PDB file of N, CA and C in Angstrom:
ATOM      1  N   MET A   1     181.310 321.908  48.795  1.00  0.00           N
ATOM      2  CA  MET A   1     181.070 321.165  50.015  1.00  0.00           C
ATOM      3  C   MET A   1     179.649 321.386  50.498  1.00  0.00           C
ATOM      4  N   ASP A   2     178.722 321.300  49.601  1.00  0.00           N
ATOM      5  CA  ASP A   2     177.316 321.503  49.922  1.00  0.00           C
ATOM      6  C   ASP A   2     176.870 320.558  51.037  1.00  0.00           C
ATOM      7  N   SER A   3     176.177 321.096  52.026  1.00  0.00           N
ATOM      8  CA  SER A   3     175.707 320.303  53.160  1.00  0.00           C
ATOM      9  C   SER A   3     174.198 320.079  53.110  1.00  0.00           C
ATOM     10  N   ARG A   4     173.602 320.208  51.942  1.00  0.00           N
ATOM     11  CA  ARG A   4     172.147 320.098  51.816  1.00  0.00           C
ATOM     12  C   ARG A   4     171.618 318.799  52.425  1.00  0.00           C
ATOM     13  N   VAL A   5     172.300 317.702  52.240  1.00  0.00           N
ATOM     14  CA  VAL A   5     171.814 316.428  52.766  1.00  0.00           C
ATOM     15  C   VAL A   5     171.654 316.494  54.291  1.00  0.00           C
ATOM     16  N   LEU A   6     172.522 317.216  54.966  1.00  0.00           N
ATOM     17  CA  LEU A   6     172.410 317.358  56.416  1.00  0.00           C
ATOM     18  C   LEU A   6     171.311 318.348  56.800  1.00  0.00           C
ATOM     19  N   ARG A   7     171.196 319.420  56.025  1.00  0.00           N
ATOM     20  CA  ARG A   7     170.191 320.445  56.326  1.00  0.00           C
ATOM     21  C   ARG A   7     168.781 319.982  56.024  1.00  0.00           C
ATOM     22  N   VAL A   8     168.607 319.239  54.929  1.00  0.00           N
ATOM     23  CA  VAL A   8     167.288 318.806  54.488  1.00  0.00           C
ATOM     24  C   VAL A   8     166.943 317.432  55.064  1.00  0.00           C
ATOM     25  N   GLY A   9     167.931 316.570  55.168  1.00  0.00           N
ATOM     26  CA  GLY A   9     167.686 315.199  55.593  1.00  0.00           C
ATOM     27  C   GLY A   9     167.238 314.357  54.404  1.00  0.00           C
ATOM     28  N   THR A  10     167.285 313.067  54.580  1.00  0.00           N
ATOM     29  CA  THR A  10     166.914 312.177  53.482  1.00  0.00           C
ATOM     30  C   THR A  10     165.447 311.792  53.522  1.00  0.00           C
ATOM     31  N   GLY A  11     164.802 311.952  54.679  1.00  0.00           N
ATOM     32  CA  GLY A  11     163.405 311.539  54.771  1.00  0.00           C
ATOM     33  C   GLY A  11     163.226 310.077  54.410  1.00  0.00           C
ATOM     34  N   LYS A  12     164.245 309.276  54.730  1.00  0.00           N
ATOM     35  CA  LYS A  12     164.255 307.838  54.425  1.00  0.00           C
ATOM     36  C   LYS A  12     164.274 307.555  52.923  1.00  0.00           C
ATOM     37  N   HIS A  13     164.658 308.550  52.140  1.00  0.00           N
ATOM     38  CA  HIS A  13     164.903 308.347  50.716  1.00  0.00           C
ATOM     39  C   HIS A  13     166.401 308.184  50.534  1.00  0.00           C
ATOM     40  N   THR A  14     166.803 307.676  49.411  1.00  0.00           N
ATOM     41  CA  THR A  14     168.226 307.518  49.144  1.00  0.00           C
ATOM     42  C   THR A  14     168.741 308.770  48.456  1.00  0.00           C
ATOM     43  N   TRP A  15     169.885 309.266  48.918  1.00  0.00           N
ATOM     44  CA  TRP A  15     170.484 310.501  48.433  1.00  0.00           C
ATOM     45  C   TRP A  15     171.870 310.175  47.911  1.00  0.00           C
ATOM     46  N   TYR A  16     172.182 310.709  46.727  1.00  0.00           N
ATOM     47  CA  TYR A  16     173.501 310.504  46.130  1.00  0.00           C
ATOM     48  C   TYR A  16     174.127 311.850  45.810  1.00  0.00           C
ATOM     49  N   ASP A  17     175.379 312.026  46.184  1.00  0.00           N
ATOM     50  CA  ASP A  17     176.169 313.171  45.738  1.00  0.00           C
ATOM     51  C   ASP A  17     177.172 312.635  44.741  1.00  0.00           C
ATOM     52  N   ILE A  18     177.197 313.234  43.552  1.00  0.00           N
ATOM     53  CA  ILE A  18     178.131 312.821  42.506  1.00  0.00           C
ATOM     54  C   ILE A  18     179.083 313.984  42.265  1.00  0.00           C
ATOM     55  N   ASP A  19     180.378 313.712  42.325  1.00  0.00           N
ATOM     56  CA  ASP A  19     181.366 314.761  42.081  1.00  0.00           C
ATOM     57  C   ASP A  19     182.691 314.119  41.706  1.00  0.00           C
ATOM     58  N   PHE A  20     183.623 314.964  41.298  1.00  0.00           N
ATOM     59  CA  PHE A  20     184.949 314.481  40.923  1.00  0.00           C
ATOM     60  C   PHE A  20     185.581 313.714  42.094  1.00  0.00           C
ATOM     61  N   PRO A  21     186.434 312.722  41.812  1.00  0.00           N
ATOM     62  CA  PRO A  21     187.054 311.928  42.876  1.00  0.00           C
ATOM     63  C   PRO A  21     187.733 312.766  43.961  1.00  0.00           C
ATOM     64  N   ASP A  22     188.482 313.796  43.586  1.00  0.00           N
ATOM     65  CA  ASP A  22     189.143 314.633  44.592  1.00  0.00           C
ATOM     66  C   ASP A  22     188.138 315.307  45.521  1.00  0.00           C
ATOM     67  N   VAL A  23     187.029 315.756  44.964  1.00  0.00           N
ATOM     68  CA  VAL A  23     186.003 316.428  45.764  1.00  0.00           C
ATOM     69  C   VAL A  23     185.338 315.434  46.714  1.00  0.00           C
ATOM     70  N   ILE A  24     185.013 314.255  46.223  1.00  0.00           N
ATOM     71  CA  ILE A  24     184.376 313.238  47.072  1.00  0.00           C
ATOM     72  C   ILE A  24     185.327 312.812  48.190  1.00  0.00           C
ATOM     73  N   ARG A  25     186.604 312.646  47.881  1.00  0.00           N
ATOM     74  CA  ARG A  25     187.570 312.294  48.936  1.00  0.00           C
ATOM     75  C   ARG A  25     187.586 313.376  50.023  1.00  0.00           C
ATOM     76  N   GLU A  26     187.529 314.632  49.616  1.00  0.00           N
ATOM     77  CA  GLU A  26     187.494 315.739  50.580  1.00  0.00           C
ATOM     78  C   GLU A  26     186.181 315.726  51.363  1.00  0.00           C
ATOM     79  N   ARG A  27     185.070 315.481  50.674  1.00  0.00           N
ATOM     80  CA  ARG A  27     183.758 315.407  51.351  1.00  0.00           C
ATOM     81  C   ARG A  27     183.781 314.352  52.447  1.00  0.00           C
ATOM     82  N   LYS A  28     184.411 313.226  52.162  1.00  0.00           N
ATOM     83  CA  LYS A  28     184.430 312.117  53.114  1.00  0.00           C
ATOM     84  C   LYS A  28     185.213 312.461  54.382  1.00  0.00           C
ATOM     85  N   ARG A  29     186.009 313.509  54.322  1.00  0.00           N
ATOM     86  CA  ARG A  29     186.693 313.973  55.535  1.00  0.00           C
ATOM     87  C   ARG A  29     185.706 314.648  56.488  1.00  0.00           C
ATOM     88  N   TYR A  30     184.594 315.160  55.951  1.00  0.00           N
ATOM     89  CA  TYR A  30     183.634 315.926  56.747  1.00  0.00           C
ATOM     90  C   TYR A  30     182.267 315.252  56.875  1.00  0.00           C
ATOM     91  N   TYR A  31     181.901 314.444  55.901  1.00  0.00           N
ATOM     92  CA  TYR A  31     180.576 313.819  55.884  1.00  0.00           C
ATOM     93  C   TYR A  31     180.732 312.308  55.861  1.00  0.00           C
ATOM     94  N   GLU A  32     179.793 311.638  56.473  1.00  0.00           N
ATOM     95  CA  GLU A  32     179.829 310.188  56.531  1.00  0.00           C
ATOM     96  C   GLU A  32     178.675 309.611  55.719  1.00  0.00           C
ATOM     97  N   GLY A  33     178.978 308.624  54.914  1.00  0.00           N
ATOM     98  CA  GLY A  33     177.941 307.951  54.159  1.00  0.00           C
ATOM     99  C   GLY A  33     177.089 307.072  55.069  1.00  0.00           C
ATOM    100  N   SER A  34     175.955 306.642  54.564  1.00  0.00           N
ATOM    101  CA  SER A  34     175.059 305.769  55.325  1.00  0.00           C
ATOM    102  C   SER A  34     174.252 304.939  54.332  1.00  0.00           C
ATOM    103  N   ASP A  35     173.301 304.172  54.852  1.00  0.00           N
ATOM    104  CA  ASP A  35     172.427 303.394  53.970  1.00  0.00           C
ATOM    105  C   ASP A  35     171.605 304.308  53.072  1.00  0.00           C
ATOM    106  N   GLU A  36     171.359 305.542  53.540  1.00  0.00           N
ATOM    107  CA  GLU A  36     170.518 306.480  52.789  1.00  0.00           C
ATOM    108  C   GLU A  36     171.314 307.575  52.090  1.00  0.00           C
ATOM    109  N   TYR A  37     172.607 307.697  52.396  1.00  0.00           N
ATOM    110  CA  TYR A  37     173.427 308.754  51.788  1.00  0.00           C
ATOM    111  C   TYR A  37     174.695 308.148  51.198  1.00  0.00           C
ATOM    112  N   HIS A  38     174.889 308.377  49.893  1.00  0.00           N
ATOM    113  CA  HIS A  38     176.031 307.813  49.174  1.00  0.00           C
ATOM    114  C   HIS A  38     176.771 308.912  48.416  1.00  0.00           C
ATOM    115  N   MET A  39     178.084 308.779  48.352  1.00  0.00           N
ATOM    116  CA  MET A  39     178.914 309.702  47.588  1.00  0.00           C
ATOM    117  C   MET A  39     179.575 308.908  46.461  1.00  0.00           C
ATOM    118  N   ILE A  40     179.375 309.370  45.238  1.00  0.00           N
ATOM    119  CA  ILE A  40     179.889 308.667  44.061  1.00  0.00           C
ATOM    120  C   ILE A  40     180.969 309.514  43.404  1.00  0.00           C
ATOM    121  N   GLU A  41     182.128 308.904  43.201  1.00  0.00           N
ATOM    122  CA  GLU A  41     183.243 309.570  42.538  1.00  0.00           C
ATOM    123  C   GLU A  41     183.073 309.430  41.037  1.00  0.00           C
ATOM    124  N   SER A  42     182.784 310.541  40.362  1.00  0.00           N
ATOM    125  CA  SER A  42     182.643 310.490  38.907  1.00  0.00           C
ATOM    126  C   SER A  42     182.559 311.896  38.347  1.00  0.00           C
ATOM    127  N   ASP A  43     182.956 312.029  37.124  1.00  0.00           N
ATOM    128  CA  ASP A  43     182.706 313.250  36.364  1.00  0.00           C
ATOM    129  C   ASP A  43     181.257 313.146  35.899  1.00  0.00           C
ATOM    130  N   ALA A  44     180.414 314.077  36.295  1.00  0.00           N
ATOM    131  CA  ALA A  44     178.977 314.011  35.977  1.00  0.00           C
ATOM    132  C   ALA A  44     178.731 313.972  34.472  1.00  0.00           C
ATOM    133  N   ARG A  45     179.712 314.437  33.677  1.00  0.00           N
ATOM    134  CA  ARG A  45     179.558 314.405  32.218  1.00  0.00           C
ATOM    135  C   ARG A  45     179.698 312.998  31.658  1.00  0.00           C
ATOM    136  N   ASN A  46     180.256 312.086  32.460  1.00  0.00           N
ATOM    137  CA  ASN A  46     180.379 310.679  32.074  1.00  0.00           C
ATOM    138  C   ASN A  46     179.135 309.972  32.605  1.00  0.00           C
ATOM    139  N   ASN A  47     178.265 309.543  31.742  1.00  0.00           N
ATOM    140  CA  ASN A  47     176.967 309.009  32.152  1.00  0.00           C
ATOM    141  C   ASN A  47     177.015 307.613  32.784  1.00  0.00           C
ATOM    142  N   ASP A  48     178.190 307.004  32.887  1.00  0.00           N
ATOM    143  CA  ASP A  48     178.289 305.664  33.468  1.00  0.00           C
ATOM    144  C   ASP A  48     177.791 305.615  34.910  1.00  0.00           C
ATOM    145  N   TRP A  49     177.962 306.683  35.672  1.00  0.00           N
ATOM    146  CA  TRP A  49     177.534 306.704  37.074  1.00  0.00           C
ATOM    147  C   TRP A  49     176.030 306.488  37.202  1.00  0.00           C
ATOM    148  N   ILE A  50     175.266 306.887  36.198  1.00  0.00           N
ATOM    149  CA  ILE A  50     173.806 306.736  36.255  1.00  0.00           C
ATOM    150  C   ILE A  50     173.433 305.259  36.328  1.00  0.00           C
ATOM    151  N   ASP A  51     174.175 304.421  35.606  1.00  0.00           N
ATOM    152  CA  ASP A  51     173.887 302.985  35.597  1.00  0.00           C
ATOM    153  C   ASP A  51     174.130 302.330  36.953  1.00  0.00           C
ATOM    154  N   SER A  52     174.900 302.986  37.831  1.00  0.00           N
ATOM    155  CA  SER A  52     175.138 302.429  39.168  1.00  0.00           C
ATOM    156  C   SER A  52     173.992 302.747  40.133  1.00  0.00           C
ATOM    157  N   LEU A  53     173.068 303.610  39.728  1.00  0.00           N
ATOM    158  CA  LEU A  53     171.922 303.952  40.573  1.00  0.00           C
ATOM    159  C   LEU A  53     170.814 302.923  40.389  1.00  0.00           C
ATOM    160  N   PRO A  54     170.054 302.662  41.454  1.00  0.00           N
ATOM    161  CA  PRO A  54     168.919 301.745  41.288  1.00  0.00           C
ATOM    162  C   PRO A  54     167.899 302.333  40.321  1.00  0.00           C
ATOM    163  N   LYS A  55     167.224 301.464  39.607  1.00  0.00           N
ATOM    164  CA  LYS A  55     166.202 301.913  38.649  1.00  0.00           C
ATOM    165  C   LYS A  55     164.880 302.129  39.379  1.00  0.00           C
ATOM    166  N   ASN A  56     164.806 303.176  40.170  1.00  0.00           N
ATOM    167  CA  ASN A  56     163.578 303.518  40.885  1.00  0.00           C
ATOM    168  C   ASN A  56     162.585 304.155  39.931  1.00  0.00           C
ATOM    169  N   LYS A  57     161.346 304.211  40.353  1.00  0.00           N
ATOM    170  CA  LYS A  57     160.334 304.835  39.523  1.00  0.00           C
ATOM    171  C   LYS A  57     160.541 306.340  39.435  1.00  0.00           C
ATOM    172  N   ASN A  58     160.864 306.964  40.561  1.00  0.00           N
ATOM    173  CA  ASN A  58     160.943 308.424  40.625  1.00  0.00           C
ATOM    174  C   ASN A  58     162.303 308.877  41.133  1.00  0.00           C
ATOM    175  N   ALA A  59     162.725 310.021  40.636  1.00  0.00           N
ATOM    176  CA  ALA A  59     163.972 310.615  41.115  1.00  0.00           C
ATOM    177  C   ALA A  59     163.861 312.131  41.028  1.00  0.00           C
ATOM    178  N   ILE A  60     164.519 312.789  41.958  1.00  0.00           N
ATOM    179  CA  ILE A  60     164.686 314.242  41.898  1.00  0.00           C
ATOM    180  C   ILE A  60     166.185 314.477  41.752  1.00  0.00           C
ATOM    181  N   ILE A  61     166.568 315.177  40.712  1.00  0.00           N
ATOM    182  CA  ILE A  61     167.972 315.473  40.432  1.00  0.00           C
ATOM    183  C   ILE A  61     168.183 316.967  40.657  1.00  0.00           C
ATOM    184  N   VAL A  62     169.118 317.314  41.537  1.00  0.00           N
ATOM    185  CA  VAL A  62     169.457 318.717  41.776  1.00  0.00           C
ATOM    186  C   VAL A  62     170.834 318.950  41.180  1.00  0.00           C
ATOM    187  N   MET A  63     170.894 319.814  40.177  1.00  0.00           N
ATOM    188  CA  MET A  63     172.164 320.158  39.522  1.00  0.00           C
ATOM    189  C   MET A  63     172.398 321.649  39.764  1.00  0.00           C
ATOM    190  N   GLU A  64     173.077 321.944  40.838  1.00  0.00           N
ATOM    191  CA  GLU A  64     173.315 323.337  41.187  1.00  0.00           C
ATOM    192  C   GLU A  64     174.783 323.674  40.953  1.00  0.00           C
ATOM    193  N   GLY A  65     175.016 324.724  40.188  1.00  0.00           N
ATOM    194  CA  GLY A  65     176.386 325.143  39.910  1.00  0.00           C
ATOM    195  C   GLY A  65     177.146 324.168  39.042  1.00  0.00           C
ATOM    196  N   VAL A  66     176.439 323.418  38.216  1.00  0.00           N
ATOM    197  CA  VAL A  66     177.074 322.378  37.408  1.00  0.00           C
ATOM    198  C   VAL A  66     176.853 322.596  35.918  1.00  0.00           C
ATOM    199  N   SER A  67     175.654 322.981  35.549  1.00  0.00           N
ATOM    200  CA  SER A  67     175.269 322.991  34.131  1.00  0.00           C
ATOM    201  C   SER A  67     176.170 323.858  33.264  1.00  0.00           C
ATOM    202  N   MET A  68     176.738 324.910  33.831  1.00  0.00           N
ATOM    203  CA  MET A  68     177.574 325.795  33.012  1.00  0.00           C
ATOM    204  C   MET A  68     178.890 325.154  32.572  1.00  0.00           C
ATOM    205  N   TYR A  69     179.220 324.010  33.160  1.00  0.00           N
ATOM    206  CA  TYR A  69     180.452 323.315  32.783  1.00  0.00           C
ATOM    207  C   TYR A  69     180.226 322.277  31.691  1.00  0.00           C
ATOM    208  N   PHE A  70     178.975 322.090  31.282  1.00  0.00           N
ATOM    209  CA  PHE A  70     178.632 321.122  30.249  1.00  0.00           C
ATOM    210  C   PHE A  70     178.565 321.797  28.887  1.00  0.00           C
ATOM    211  N   GLN A  71     179.062 321.104  27.881  1.00  0.00           N
ATOM    212  CA  GLN A  71     178.793 321.502  26.511  1.00  0.00           C
ATOM    213  C   GLN A  71     177.335 321.134  26.240  1.00  0.00           C
ATOM    214  N   THR A  72     176.707 321.777  25.273  1.00  0.00           N
ATOM    215  CA  THR A  72     175.297 321.523  24.978  1.00  0.00           C
ATOM    216  C   THR A  72     175.034 320.047  24.736  1.00  0.00           C
ATOM    217  N   GLU A  73     175.859 319.390  23.960  1.00  0.00           N
ATOM    218  CA  GLU A  73     175.668 317.969  23.653  1.00  0.00           C
ATOM    219  C   GLU A  73     175.837 317.103  24.902  1.00  0.00           C
ATOM    220  N   GLU A  74     176.780 317.446  25.779  1.00  0.00           N
ATOM    221  CA  GLU A  74     176.971 316.686  27.021  1.00  0.00           C
ATOM    222  C   GLU A  74     175.736 316.779  27.916  1.00  0.00           C
ATOM    223  N   LEU A  75     175.186 317.970  28.033  1.00  0.00           N
ATOM    224  CA  LEU A  75     173.993 318.169  28.852  1.00  0.00           C
ATOM    225  C   LEU A  75     172.796 317.431  28.255  1.00  0.00           C
ATOM    226  N   THR A  76     172.659 317.501  26.951  1.00  0.00           N
ATOM    227  CA  THR A  76     171.574 316.791  26.268  1.00  0.00           C
ATOM    228  C   THR A  76     171.682 315.289  26.528  1.00  0.00           C
ATOM    229  N   GLN A  77     172.873 314.722  26.405  1.00  0.00           N
ATOM    230  CA  GLN A  77     173.069 313.295  26.638  1.00  0.00           C
ATOM    231  C   GLN A  77     172.784 312.920  28.093  1.00  0.00           C
ATOM    232  N   LEU A  78     173.201 313.751  29.033  1.00  0.00           N
ATOM    233  CA  LEU A  78     172.926 313.490  30.444  1.00  0.00           C
ATOM    234  C   LEU A  78     171.424 313.444  30.703  1.00  0.00           C
ATOM    235  N   LEU A  79     170.708 314.430  30.213  1.00  0.00           N
ATOM    236  CA  LEU A  79     169.262 314.488  30.424  1.00  0.00           C
ATOM    237  C   LEU A  79     168.560 313.297  29.774  1.00  0.00           C
ATOM    238  N   LYS A  80     168.993 312.918  28.582  1.00  0.00           N
ATOM    239  CA  LYS A  80     168.414 311.743  27.915  1.00  0.00           C
ATOM    240  C   LYS A  80     168.664 310.476  28.724  1.00  0.00           C
ATOM    241  N   HIS A  81     169.889 310.333  29.211  1.00  0.00           N
ATOM    242  CA  HIS A  81     170.246 309.138  29.982  1.00  0.00           C
ATOM    243  C   HIS A  81     169.420 309.067  31.272  1.00  0.00           C
ATOM    244  N   LEU A  82     169.237 310.197  31.944  1.00  0.00           N
ATOM    245  CA  LEU A  82     168.434 310.224  33.175  1.00  0.00           C
ATOM    246  C   LEU A  82     166.979 309.865  32.897  1.00  0.00           C
ATOM    247  N   THR A  83     166.436 310.392  31.819  1.00  0.00           N
ATOM    248  CA  THR A  83     165.023 310.107  31.516  1.00  0.00           C
ATOM    249  C   THR A  83     164.816 308.665  31.059  1.00  0.00           C
ATOM    250  N   ARG A  84     165.847 308.026  30.523  1.00  0.00           N
ATOM    251  CA  ARG A  84     165.743 306.604  30.178  1.00  0.00           C
ATOM    252  C   ARG A  84     165.873 305.728  31.430  1.00  0.00           C
ATOM    253  N   HIS A  85     166.657 306.189  32.398  1.00  0.00           N
ATOM    254  CA  HIS A  85     166.939 305.388  33.600  1.00  0.00           C
ATOM    255  C   HIS A  85     165.761 305.364  34.574  1.00  0.00           C
ATOM    256  N   PHE A  86     165.067 306.482  34.713  1.00  0.00           N
ATOM    257  CA  PHE A  86     163.961 306.590  35.661  1.00  0.00           C
ATOM    258  C   PHE A  86     162.634 306.717  34.923  1.00  0.00           C
ATOM    259  N   GLU A  87     161.580 306.168  35.523  1.00  0.00           N
ATOM    260  CA  GLU A  87     160.254 306.310  34.913  1.00  0.00           C
ATOM    261  C   GLU A  87     159.798 307.764  34.939  1.00  0.00           C
ATOM    262  N   GLN A  88     160.053 308.423  36.072  1.00  0.00           N
ATOM    263  CA  GLN A  88     159.715 309.843  36.195  1.00  0.00           C
ATOM    264  C   GLN A  88     160.881 310.541  36.881  1.00  0.00           C
ATOM    265  N   VAL A  89     161.348 311.616  36.299  1.00  0.00           N
ATOM    266  CA  VAL A  89     162.463 312.347  36.879  1.00  0.00           C
ATOM    267  C   VAL A  89     162.150 313.841  36.863  1.00  0.00           C
ATOM    268  N   THR A  90     162.431 314.478  37.987  1.00  0.00           N
ATOM    269  CA  THR A  90     162.305 315.926  38.097  1.00  0.00           C
ATOM    270  C   THR A  90     163.711 316.486  38.229  1.00  0.00           C
ATOM    271  N   ILE A  91     164.055 317.421  37.362  1.00  0.00           N
ATOM    272  CA  ILE A  91     165.403 317.983  37.366  1.00  0.00           C
ATOM    273  C   ILE A  91     165.310 319.447  37.764  1.00  0.00           C
ATOM    274  N   LEU A  92     166.041 319.796  38.811  1.00  0.00           N
ATOM    275  CA  LEU A  92     166.129 321.170  39.286  1.00  0.00           C
ATOM    276  C   LEU A  92     167.548 321.644  39.006  1.00  0.00           C
ATOM    277  N   MET A  93     167.672 322.654  38.168  1.00  0.00           N
ATOM    278  CA  MET A  93     169.018 323.108  37.827  1.00  0.00           C
ATOM    279  C   MET A  93     169.013 324.592  37.515  1.00  0.00           C
ATOM    280  N   ASP A  94     170.133 325.224  37.791  1.00  0.00           N
ATOM    281  CA  ASP A  94     170.288 326.612  37.408  1.00  0.00           C
ATOM    282  C   ASP A  94     170.830 326.650  35.985  1.00  0.00           C
ATOM    283  N   CYS A  95     170.356 327.615  35.235  1.00  0.00           N
ATOM    284  CA  CYS A  95     170.753 327.746  33.837  1.00  0.00           C
ATOM    285  C   CYS A  95     171.268 329.161  33.597  1.00  0.00           C
ATOM    286  N   TYR A  96     172.207 329.282  32.719  1.00  0.00           N
ATOM    287  CA  TYR A  96     172.795 330.571  32.386  1.00  0.00           C
ATOM    288  C   TYR A  96     172.708 330.802  30.887  1.00  0.00           C
ATOM    289  N   THR A  97     172.406 332.032  30.507  1.00  0.00           N
ATOM    290  CA  THR A  97     172.523 332.404  29.108  1.00  0.00           C
ATOM    291  C   THR A  97     173.997 332.688  28.846  1.00  0.00           C
ATOM    292  N   VAL A  98     174.387 332.734  27.611  1.00  0.00           N
ATOM    293  CA  VAL A  98     175.771 333.074  27.275  1.00  0.00           C
ATOM    294  C   VAL A  98     176.096 334.465  27.814  1.00  0.00           C
ATOM    295  N   PHE A  99     175.151 335.402  27.681  1.00  0.00           N
ATOM    296  CA  PHE A  99     175.364 336.752  28.192  1.00  0.00           C
ATOM    297  C   PHE A  99     175.610 336.742  29.697  1.00  0.00           C
ATOM    298  N   ALA A 100     174.799 335.991  30.453  1.00  0.00           N
ATOM    299  CA  ALA A 100     174.943 335.950  31.917  1.00  0.00           C
ATOM    300  C   ALA A 100     176.289 335.358  32.321  1.00  0.00           C
ATOM    301  N   ALA A 101     176.713 334.322  31.623  1.00  0.00           N
ATOM    302  CA  ALA A 101     178.008 333.709  31.934  1.00  0.00           C
ATOM    303  C   ALA A 101     179.147 334.700  31.698  1.00  0.00           C
ATOM    304  N   LYS A 102     179.080 335.434  30.587  1.00  0.00           N
ATOM    305  CA  LYS A 102     180.120 336.426  30.305  1.00  0.00           C
ATOM    306  C   LYS A 102     180.059 337.577  31.299  1.00  0.00           C
ATOM    307  N   ALA A 103     178.848 338.021  31.644  1.00  0.00           N
ATOM    308  CA  ALA A 103     178.676 339.145  32.571  1.00  0.00           C
ATOM    309  C   ALA A 103     179.148 338.795  33.972  1.00  0.00           C
ATOM    310  N   SER A 104     179.114 337.511  34.341  1.00  0.00           N
ATOM    311  CA  SER A 104     179.516 337.119  35.694  1.00  0.00           C
ATOM    312  C   SER A 104     180.989 337.405  35.956  1.00  0.00           C
ATOM    313  N   LYS A 105     181.772 337.569  34.900  1.00  0.00           N
ATOM    314  CA  LYS A 105     183.175 337.941  35.070  1.00  0.00           C
ATOM    315  C   LYS A 105     183.290 339.340  35.669  1.00  0.00           C
ATOM    316  N   TYR A 106     182.315 340.185  35.370  1.00  0.00           N
ATOM    317  CA  TYR A 106     182.376 341.583  35.787  1.00  0.00           C
ATOM    318  C   TYR A 106     181.577 341.865  37.052  1.00  0.00           C
ATOM    319  N   LYS A 107     180.429 341.226  37.193  1.00  0.00           N
ATOM    320  CA  LYS A 107     179.589 341.446  38.370  1.00  0.00           C
ATOM    321  C   LYS A 107     179.040 340.103  38.823  1.00  0.00           C
ATOM    322  N   ASN A 108     179.694 339.494  39.776  1.00  0.00           N
ATOM    323  CA  ASN A 108     179.286 338.192  40.287  1.00  0.00           C
ATOM    324  C   ASN A 108     178.898 338.363  41.749  1.00  0.00           C
ATOM    325  N   PRO A 109     177.627 338.157  42.093  1.00  0.00           N
ATOM    326  CA  PRO A 109     177.184 338.364  43.471  1.00  0.00           C
ATOM    327  C   PRO A 109     177.918 337.494  44.484  1.00  0.00           C
ATOM    328  N   VAL A 110     178.430 336.334  44.070  1.00  0.00           N
ATOM    329  CA  VAL A 110     179.170 335.478  44.989  1.00  0.00           C
ATOM    330  C   VAL A 110     180.424 336.192  45.476  1.00  0.00           C
ATOM    331  N   ASN A 111     181.038 336.990  44.602  1.00  0.00           N
ATOM    332  CA  ASN A 111     182.242 337.728  44.991  1.00  0.00           C
ATOM    333  C   ASN A 111     181.955 338.777  46.050  1.00  0.00           C
ATOM    334  N   ASP A 112     180.697 339.232  46.131  1.00  0.00           N
ATOM    335  CA  ASP A 112     180.336 340.285  47.072  1.00  0.00           C
ATOM    336  C   ASP A 112     179.924 339.755  48.442  1.00  0.00           C
ATOM    337  N   VAL A 113     179.784 338.441  48.597  1.00  0.00           N
ATOM    338  CA  VAL A 113     179.363 337.876  49.875  1.00  0.00           C
ATOM    339  C   VAL A 113     180.379 338.253  50.947  1.00  0.00           C
ATOM    340  N   GLY A 114     179.884 338.792  52.032  1.00  0.00           N
ATOM    341  CA  GLY A 114     180.746 339.162  53.151  1.00  0.00           C
ATOM    342  C   GLY A 114     181.264 340.578  53.089  1.00  0.00           C
ATOM    343  N   ARG A 115     181.249 341.213  51.929  1.00  0.00           N
ATOM    344  CA  ARG A 115     181.786 342.567  51.831  1.00  0.00           C
ATOM    345  C   ARG A 115     180.966 343.570  52.635  1.00  0.00           C
ATOM    346  N   SER A 116     179.627 343.479  52.566  1.00  0.00           N
ATOM    347  CA  SER A 116     178.811 344.434  53.310  1.00  0.00           C
ATOM    348  C   SER A 116     178.977 344.204  54.805  1.00  0.00           C
ATOM    349  N   THR A 117     179.143 342.958  55.236  1.00  0.00           N
ATOM    350  CA  THR A 117     179.356 342.663  56.651  1.00  0.00           C
ATOM    351  C   THR A 117     180.686 343.247  57.101  1.00  0.00           C
ATOM    352  N   MET A 118     181.705 343.110  56.254  1.00  0.00           N
ATOM    353  CA  MET A 118     183.017 343.654  56.605  1.00  0.00           C
ATOM    354  C   MET A 118     182.934 345.167  56.732  1.00  0.00           C
ATOM    355  N   LYS A 119     182.225 345.818  55.817  1.00  0.00           N
ATOM    356  CA  LYS A 119     182.097 347.272  55.876  1.00  0.00           C
ATOM    357  C   LYS A 119     181.370 347.677  57.154  1.00  0.00           C
ATOM    358  N   ASN A 120     180.281 346.964  57.478  1.00  0.00           N
ATOM    359  CA  ASN A 120     179.529 347.285  58.695  1.00  0.00           C
ATOM    360  C   ASN A 120     180.363 347.076  59.950  1.00  0.00           C
ATOM    361  N   ASN A 121     181.163 346.024  59.983  1.00  0.00           N
ATOM    362  CA  ASN A 121     182.013 345.761  61.144  1.00  0.00           C
ATOM    363  C   ASN A 121     183.062 346.854  61.293  1.00  0.00           C
ATOM    364  N   ASN A 122     183.583 347.348  60.189  1.00  0.00           N
ATOM    365  CA  ASN A 122     184.582 348.414  60.252  1.00  0.00           C
ATOM    366  C   ASN A 122     183.977 349.697  60.784  1.00  0.00           C
ATOM    367  N   LEU A 123     182.716 349.938  60.523  1.00  0.00           N
ATOM    368  CA  LEU A 123     182.055 351.137  61.020  1.00  0.00           C
ATOM    369  C   LEU A 123     181.845 351.103  62.519  1.00  0.00           C
ATOM    370  N   THR A 124     181.671 349.910  63.067  1.00  0.00           N
ATOM    371  CA  THR A 124     181.383 349.811  64.493  1.00  0.00           C
ATOM    372  C   THR A 124     182.641 349.788  65.342  1.00  0.00           C
ATOM    373  N   LYS A 125     183.787 349.669  64.740  1.00  0.00           N
ATOM    374  CA  LYS A 125     185.035 349.595  65.524  1.00  0.00           C
ATOM    375  C   LYS A 125     185.564 350.964  65.830  1.00  0.00           C
TER     376      LYS A 125
END
């Protein structure tokens, strides 16, 4: 339920969030689309959604927390399709090595969020 579009704003650019249909339906309970903000129901691994985007000269693609769910060939095809669709595209994405993905099972910083706050709150009570 990333709220980046609200935090950053569109700056009069067009913003698209692409996610699974169930996720987009849930997003629509909290966020409202507009002329500048659109939510597209699709599996990002299916490149058909790209064809529904306008063929602008430039695009910035943010893929956060997504790339690890792609097989190498799926990611390669997505990147190729994006570079064919736009004249210039900048892709910002997090990447994981196989080692990092396996290690995240044992030490994942996301799992620790809030734990230090809980410990500190217990000390003050």
